[in-house]
C-alpha atoms as a PDB file:
ATOM      1  CA  MET A   1     -31.113 -73.909  57.584  1.00  0.00           C
ATOM      2  CA  SER A   2     -31.402 -74.965  60.536  1.00  0.00           C
ATOM      3  CA  GLU A   3     -31.687 -72.084  63.442  1.00  0.00           C
ATOM      4  CA  TYR A   4     -28.732 -72.505  64.698  1.00  0.00           C
ATOM      5  CA  ALA A   5     -26.717 -72.321  61.551  1.00  0.00           C
ATOM      6  CA  ARG A   6     -28.939 -69.444  60.393  1.00  0.00           C
ATOM      7  CA  ARG A   7     -27.979 -67.157  63.919  1.00  0.00           C
ATOM      8  CA  PHE A   8     -24.178 -67.752  63.138  1.00  0.00           C
ATOM      9  CA  SER A   9     -24.290 -67.316  59.621  1.00  0.00           C
ATOM     10  CA  ARG A  10     -23.777 -63.980  60.577  1.00  0.00           C
ATOM     11  CA  PHE A  11     -20.154 -63.796  61.182  1.00  0.00           C
ATOM     12  CA  PRO A  12     -17.874 -63.707  58.312  1.00  0.00           C
ATOM     13  CA  ARG A  13     -15.165 -66.623  58.169  1.00  0.00           C
ATOM     14  CA  SER A  14     -13.252 -64.591  55.996  1.00  0.00           C
ATOM     15  CA  GLY A  15     -10.681 -62.236  56.303  1.00  0.00           C
ATOM     16  CA  SER A  16      -8.457 -61.120  60.265  1.00  0.00           C
ATOM     17  CA  THR A  17      -9.543 -58.502  62.689  1.00  0.00           C
ATOM     18  CA  HIS A  18      -7.812 -57.460  65.052  1.00  0.00           C
ATOM     19  CA  GLY A  19      -5.775 -60.429  65.150  1.00  0.00           C
ATOM     20  CA  LEU A  20      -8.393 -63.498  65.527  1.00  0.00           C
ATOM     21  CA  ASP A  21      -7.782 -65.138  62.784  1.00  0.00           C
ATOM     22  CA  GLY A  22     -10.177 -67.018  60.791  1.00  0.00           C
ATOM     23  CA  LEU A  23     -13.185 -65.718  62.545  1.00  0.00           C
ATOM     24  CA  GLY A  24     -13.626 -62.010  60.773  1.00  0.00           C
ATOM     25  CA  GLN A  25     -15.490 -59.654  62.712  1.00  0.00           C
ATOM     26  CA  VAL A  26     -15.800 -59.333  66.380  1.00  0.00           C
ATOM     27  CA  PRO A  27     -19.553 -60.047  67.165  1.00  0.00           C
ATOM     28  CA  THR A  28     -21.045 -57.112  68.947  1.00  0.00           C
ATOM     29  CA  THR A  29     -23.421 -57.529  71.858  1.00  0.00           C
ATOM     30  CA  ARG A  30     -26.224 -57.671  69.881  1.00  0.00           C
ATOM     31  CA  ASP A  31     -25.196 -60.368  68.256  1.00  0.00           C
ATOM     32  CA  LEU A  32     -23.678 -62.520  71.024  1.00  0.00           C
ATOM     33  CA  VAL A  33     -27.692 -61.629  72.919  1.00  0.00           C
ATOM     34  CA  ASN A  34     -29.694 -63.229  69.816  1.00  0.00           C
ATOM     35  CA  SER A  35     -27.186 -66.167  68.878  1.00  0.00           C
ATOM     36  CA  TYR A  36     -27.225 -67.312  72.742  1.00  0.00           C
ATOM     37  CA  PRO A  37     -29.292 -68.797  74.239  1.00  0.00           C
ATOM     38  CA  MET A  38     -31.963 -71.025  72.263  1.00  0.00           C
ATOM     39  CA  PRO A  39     -35.131 -69.765  73.245  1.00  0.00           C
ATOM     40  CA  ALA A  40     -36.858 -72.108  75.442  1.00  0.00           C
ATOM     41  CA  GLU A  41     -40.374 -73.577  74.830  1.00  0.00           C
ATOM     42  CA  GLY A  42     -42.684 -71.264  75.647  1.00  0.00           C
ATOM     43  CA  SER A  43     -40.513 -68.324  76.148  1.00  0.00           C
ATOM     44  CA  ARG A  44     -41.838 -64.687  75.743  1.00  0.00           C
ATOM     45  CA  VAL A  45     -39.608 -62.107  73.474  1.00  0.00           C
ATOM     46  CA  ILE A  46     -39.502 -58.701  74.756  1.00  0.00           C
ATOM     47  CA  GLY A  47     -37.703 -56.756  72.491  1.00  0.00           C
ATOM     48  CA  PRO A  48     -34.207 -57.543  70.415  1.00  0.00           C
ATOM     49  CA  GLU A  49     -32.559 -58.654  73.274  1.00  0.00           C
ATOM     50  CA  ARG A  50     -34.050 -60.214  76.238  1.00  0.00           C
ATOM     51  CA  ARG A  51     -36.712 -63.115  76.541  1.00  0.00           C
ATOM     52  CA  ASP A  52     -38.400 -63.842  79.846  1.00  0.00           C
ATOM     53  CA  LEU A  53     -37.993 -67.727  80.733  1.00  0.00           C
ATOM     54  CA  PRO A  54     -41.193 -69.625  81.652  1.00  0.00           C
ATOM     55  CA  ILE A  55     -42.741 -68.304  84.438  1.00  0.00           C
ATOM     56  CA  TRP A  56     -43.793 -71.059  85.793  1.00  0.00           C
ATOM     57  CA  LEU A  57     -40.207 -72.277  86.300  1.00  0.00           C
ATOM     58  CA  TYR A  58     -38.525 -68.693  86.468  1.00  0.00           C
ATOM     59  CA  PRO A  59     -39.898 -65.444  87.795  1.00  0.00           C
ATOM     60  CA  PRO A  60     -40.145 -62.556  84.944  1.00  0.00           C
ATOM     61  CA  VAL A  61     -38.148 -59.178  85.464  1.00  0.00           C
ATOM     62  CA  ASN A  62     -41.079 -57.369  86.549  1.00  0.00           C
ATOM     63  CA  PHE A  63     -42.355 -60.170  89.062  1.00  0.00           C
ATOM     64  CA  GLU A  64     -43.162 -59.275  92.899  1.00  0.00           C
ATOM     65  CA  ASN A  65     -42.007 -61.029  95.784  1.00  0.00           C
ATOM     66  CA  LEU A  66     -44.643 -63.598  97.710  1.00  0.00           C
ATOM     67  CA  ASP A  67     -43.206 -64.299 101.346  1.00  0.00           C
ATOM     68  CA  GLN A  68     -45.937 -65.028 103.378  1.00  0.00           C
ATOM     69  CA  ILE A  69     -45.202 -66.426 107.101  1.00  0.00           C
ATOM     70  CA  ALA A  70     -46.925 -66.539 110.849  1.00  0.00           C
ATOM     71  CA  TYR A  71     -47.254 -68.255 114.227  1.00  0.00           C
ATOM     72  CA  VAL A  72     -50.819 -69.400 115.942  1.00  0.00           C
ATOM     73  CA  LEU A  73     -51.273 -70.831 118.849  1.00  0.00           C
ATOM     74  CA  LEU A  74     -52.395 -74.669 118.284  1.00  0.00           C
ATOM     75  CA  PRO A  75     -56.234 -74.948 117.905  1.00  0.00           C
ATOM     76  CA  ALA A  76     -57.878 -77.368 120.301  1.00  0.00           C
ATOM     77  CA  ILE A  77     -58.039 -81.104 119.154  1.00  0.00           C
ATOM     78  CA  GLY A  78     -60.778 -81.478 116.425  1.00  0.00           C
ATOM     79  CA  SER A  79     -60.108 -78.115 115.675  1.00  0.00           C
ATOM     80  CA  THR A  80     -58.373 -75.977 112.715  1.00  0.00           C
ATOM     81  CA  ALA A  81     -56.515 -73.137 113.121  1.00  0.00           C
ATOM     82  CA  THR A  82     -55.586 -70.697 110.178  1.00  0.00           C
ATOM     83  CA  ILE A  83     -51.562 -69.582 110.023  1.00  0.00           C
ATOM     84  CA  ILE A  84     -51.219 -67.332 106.618  1.00  0.00           C
ATOM     85  CA  SER A  85     -54.335 -66.255 104.386  1.00  0.00           C
ATOM     86  CA  PHE A  86     -53.562 -63.843 101.783  1.00  0.00           C
ATOM     87  CA  THR A  87     -55.656 -63.024  98.202  1.00  0.00           C
ATOM     88  CA  VAL A  88     -54.253 -62.940  94.935  1.00  0.00           C
ATOM     89  CA  PRO A  89     -54.067 -59.272  93.806  1.00  0.00           C
ATOM     90  CA  ILE A  90     -56.120 -58.049  91.052  1.00  0.00           C
ATOM     91  CA  GLY A  91     -54.095 -58.218  88.263  1.00  0.00           C
ATOM     92  CA  ARG A  92     -51.674 -61.248  89.315  1.00  0.00           C
ATOM     93  CA  ASN A  93     -51.086 -64.434  89.334  1.00  0.00           C
ATOM     94  CA  GLY A  94     -48.184 -66.170  90.717  1.00  0.00           C
ATOM     95  CA  MET A  95     -45.700 -69.361  91.367  1.00  0.00           C
ATOM     96  CA  ILE A  96     -46.066 -70.853  94.799  1.00  0.00           C
ATOM     97  CA  ASN A  97     -42.264 -72.631  95.099  1.00  0.00           C
ATOM     98  CA  LYS A  98     -41.495 -72.990  98.893  1.00  0.00           C
ATOM     99  CA  ILE A  99     -43.332 -74.101 101.667  1.00  0.00           C
ATOM    100  CA  ALA A 100     -42.816 -74.540 105.863  1.00  0.00           C
ATOM    101  CA  ALA A 101     -44.323 -75.793 108.434  1.00  0.00           C
ATOM    102  CA  ASN A 102     -43.883 -76.322 112.233  1.00  0.00           C
ATOM    103  CA  PHE A 103     -44.620 -77.002 115.661  1.00  0.00           C
ATOM    104  CA  VAL A 104     -43.047 -75.212 118.788  1.00  0.00           C
ATOM    105  CA  GLY A 105     -43.729 -76.718 122.419  1.00  0.00           C
ATOM    106  CA  GLY A 106     -44.382 -79.899 123.353  1.00  0.00           C
ATOM    107  CA  GLY A 107     -47.116 -83.637 123.206  1.00  0.00           C
ATOM    108  CA  TRP A 108     -46.413 -83.773 119.185  1.00  0.00           C
ATOM    109  CA  THR A 109     -44.212 -86.493 117.719  1.00  0.00           C
ATOM    110  CA  GLU A 110     -43.342 -85.931 114.367  1.00  0.00           C
ATOM    111  CA  GLY A 111     -45.179 -88.032 111.504  1.00  0.00           C
ATOM    112  CA  THR A 112     -47.890 -89.140 113.795  1.00  0.00           C
ATOM    113  CA  GLY A 113     -50.433 -86.925 111.770  1.00  0.00           C
ATOM    114  CA  ASP A 114     -51.674 -86.079 115.519  1.00  0.00           C
ATOM    115  CA  VAL A 115     -51.348 -82.697 113.383  1.00  0.00           C
ATOM    116  CA  LYS A 116     -51.977 -81.811 110.087  1.00  0.00           C
ATOM    117  CA  TRP A 117     -50.985 -79.081 108.142  1.00  0.00           C
ATOM    118  CA  ARG A 118     -52.853 -78.687 104.608  1.00  0.00           C
ATOM    119  CA  VAL A 119     -52.384 -75.446 101.649  1.00  0.00           C
ATOM    120  CA  LEU A 120     -56.030 -74.806  99.940  1.00  0.00           C
ATOM    121  CA  VAL A 121     -56.425 -72.108  97.373  1.00  0.00           C
ATOM    122  CA  ASP A 122     -60.024 -71.089  97.652  1.00  0.00           C
ATOM    123  CA  GLY A 123     -60.984 -73.657 100.625  1.00  0.00           C
ATOM    124  CA  THR A 124     -59.571 -76.881  98.256  1.00  0.00           C
ATOM    125  CA  PRO A 125     -56.523 -78.658  97.606  1.00  0.00           C
ATOM    126  CA  PRO A 126     -54.852 -76.449  94.579  1.00  0.00           C
ATOM    127  CA  PRO A 127     -54.874 -78.422  91.400  1.00  0.00           C
ATOM    128  CA  GLY A 128     -51.772 -80.026  90.636  1.00  0.00           C
ATOM    129  CA  ALA A 129     -50.483 -79.995  93.841  1.00  0.00           C
ATOM    130  CA  THR A 130     -52.854 -82.238  96.307  1.00  0.00           C
ATOM    131  CA  SER A 131     -50.562 -83.611  98.291  1.00  0.00           C
ATOM    132  CA  TYR A 132     -50.278 -80.959 100.360  1.00  0.00           C
ATOM    133  CA  ASP A 133     -53.586 -81.451 101.612  1.00  0.00           C
ATOM    134  CA  SER A 134     -52.604 -83.552 104.747  1.00  0.00           C
ATOM    135  CA  ILE A 135     -49.232 -82.229 105.615  1.00  0.00           C
ATOM    136  CA  VAL A 136     -48.251 -84.687 108.453  1.00  0.00           C
ATOM    137  CA  ALA A 137     -44.480 -83.759 109.054  1.00  0.00           C
ATOM    138  CA  SER A 138     -41.925 -80.472 108.938  1.00  0.00           C
ATOM    139  CA  PRO A 139     -41.553 -79.746 105.327  1.00  0.00           C
ATOM    140  CA  GLY A 140     -38.573 -76.959 106.499  1.00  0.00           C
ATOM    141  CA  SER A 141     -38.950 -74.842 109.756  1.00  0.00           C
ATOM    142  CA  PRO A 142     -39.845 -70.681 108.517  1.00  0.00           C
ATOM    143  CA  ALA A 143     -36.366 -70.045 108.456  1.00  0.00           C
ATOM    144  CA  GLN A 144     -35.359 -72.496 105.854  1.00  0.00           C
ATOM    145  CA  PRO A 145     -38.414 -73.904 103.900  1.00  0.00           C
ATOM    146  CA  VAL A 146     -37.971 -76.295 101.682  1.00  0.00           C
ATOM    147  CA  GLY A 147     -38.123 -75.856  97.695  1.00  0.00           C
ATOM    148  CA  ILE A 148     -41.132 -77.728  95.689  1.00  0.00           C
ATOM    149  CA  ALA A 149     -42.811 -78.810  92.524  1.00  0.00           C
ATOM    150  CA  GLY A 150     -44.235 -75.820  92.608  1.00  0.00           C
ATOM    151  CA  PHE A 151     -47.977 -74.578  92.001  1.00  0.00           C
ATOM    152  CA  ARG A 152     -49.158 -71.959  90.184  1.00  0.00           C
ATOM    153  CA  ILE A 153     -52.281 -69.286  92.322  1.00  0.00           C
ATOM    154  CA  PHE A 154     -54.594 -66.968  89.883  1.00  0.00           C
ATOM    155  CA  GLU A 155     -55.950 -63.265  90.518  1.00  0.00           C
ATOM    156  CA  ASN A 156     -58.197 -63.027  93.055  1.00  0.00           C
ATOM    157  CA  GLN A 157     -58.055 -66.716  94.786  1.00  0.00           C
ATOM    158  CA  VAL A 158     -58.067 -66.896  98.369  1.00  0.00           C
ATOM    159  CA  VAL A 159     -54.514 -69.042  99.524  1.00  0.00           C
ATOM    160  CA  THR A 160     -54.738 -70.669 103.342  1.00  0.00           C
ATOM    161  CA  LEU A 161     -52.305 -72.829 105.295  1.00  0.00           C
ATOM    162  CA  VAL A 162     -53.931 -74.099 108.212  1.00  0.00           C
ATOM    163  CA  ALA A 163     -53.099 -76.861 110.843  1.00  0.00           C
ATOM    164  CA  PHE A 164     -55.548 -79.514 112.017  1.00  0.00           C
ATOM    165  CA  ASN A 165     -55.381 -80.857 115.419  1.00  0.00           C
ATOM    166  CA  ASP A 166     -56.834 -84.159 115.102  1.00  0.00           C
ATOM    167  CA  PRO A 167     -58.899 -86.548 116.940  1.00  0.00           C
ATOM    168  CA  ALA A 168     -57.998 -89.764 114.635  1.00  0.00           C
ATOM    169  CA  GLY A 169     -54.560 -89.214 115.160  1.00  0.00           C
ATOM    170  CA  PRO A 170     -52.565 -92.394 116.740  1.00  0.00           C
ATOM    171  CA  ASN A 171     -52.636 -90.145 119.510  1.00  0.00           C
ATOM    172  CA  GLY A 172     -56.389 -88.470 119.232  1.00  0.00           C
ATOM    173  CA  GLY A 173     -54.512 -85.281 118.339  1.00  0.00           C
ATOM    174  CA  VAL A 174     -52.466 -82.850 121.197  1.00  0.00           C
ATOM    175  CA  VAL A 175     -53.181 -81.633 124.389  1.00  0.00           C
ATOM    176  CA  VAL A 176     -53.454 -78.099 124.299  1.00  0.00           C
ATOM    177  CA  ALA A 177     -50.665 -76.108 126.280  1.00  0.00           C
ATOM    178  CA  GLY A 178     -49.692 -73.119 125.073  1.00  0.00           C
ATOM    179  CA  GLN A 179     -47.810 -75.131 121.607  1.00  0.00           C
ATOM    180  CA  ARG A 180     -47.294 -73.155 118.477  1.00  0.00           C
ATOM    181  CA  VAL A 181     -47.937 -74.347 114.753  1.00  0.00           C
ATOM    182  CA  GLY A 182     -46.186 -72.703 111.831  1.00  0.00           C
ATOM    183  CA  GLY A 183     -45.587 -72.031 108.828  1.00  0.00           C
ATOM    184  CA  ARG A 184     -44.169 -70.106 105.538  1.00  0.00           C
ATOM    185  CA  LEU A 185     -45.336 -69.998 101.889  1.00  0.00           C
ATOM    186  CA  LEU A 186     -42.770 -68.487  99.261  1.00  0.00           C
ATOM    187  CA  GLY A 187     -42.905 -67.837  95.513  1.00  0.00           C
ATOM    188  CA  TYR A 188     -44.053 -64.922  93.369  1.00  0.00           C
ATOM    189  CA  PHE A 189     -46.614 -62.936  91.660  1.00  0.00           C
ATOM    190  CA  TYR A 190     -46.314 -61.588  87.727  1.00  0.00           C
ATOM    191  CA  PRO A 191     -48.931 -59.441  85.723  1.00  0.00           C
ATOM    192  CA  ARG A 192     -51.778 -61.650  84.312  1.00  0.00           C
ATOM    193  CA  ASP A 193     -51.620 -60.187  80.823  1.00  0.00           C
ATOM    194  CA  ILE A 194     -48.026 -61.819  80.509  1.00  0.00           C
ATOM    195  CA  GLU A 195     -49.664 -64.925  80.582  1.00  0.00           C
ATOM    196  CA  GLN A 196     -50.458 -67.910  78.363  1.00  0.00           C
ATOM    197  CA  ALA A 197     -53.773 -67.872  77.044  1.00  0.00           C
ATOM    198  CA  ASP A 198     -54.388 -71.586  76.502  1.00  0.00           C
ATOM    199  CA  ILE A 199     -53.073 -71.944  80.592  1.00  0.00           C
ATOM    200  CA  TRP A 200     -55.098 -74.858  82.492  1.00  0.00           C
ATOM    201  CA  ILE A 201     -56.364 -73.961  85.730  1.00  0.00           C
END
């Protein structure tokens, strides 16, 4: 018997109850919760009436918000400035699924690469998300960050967003005159003990 048939076989088809001809007994709340939706691959059953969806797609019920935003002065040509830096708390893993980076002031043309933003985990590009190692345009403003495919972060890792004033850019970098660079990282933390044992890092 299929999973679908097994779940719905609990509803008798004979007789009539409360005027619902042919439907038998009226389903209870427990019947409805247990019958639909079907559990997603990788989901975790929590008690008889609630399931967490895959934690790399949706935050679990006991998630903690992650929302980091900051601005710093544009660094000198050839230098790097740290915009955001935080450490993933002990006992927590997480997801980053929205980012933003922008430039405030003059002397920079978007897309040239004179200023580059980099998202780093423990000083290197996050595994599986190396495209965020060299961001040459503004992926949304801090007021309106953009959704990304996302990448996972793990207990005690140091996550940073930095800006590099690149002398190898077409204009030789941006001459410093009080401009600012900013950024934002959004996502969520969750308890490490609900992580799958075979997680790839």
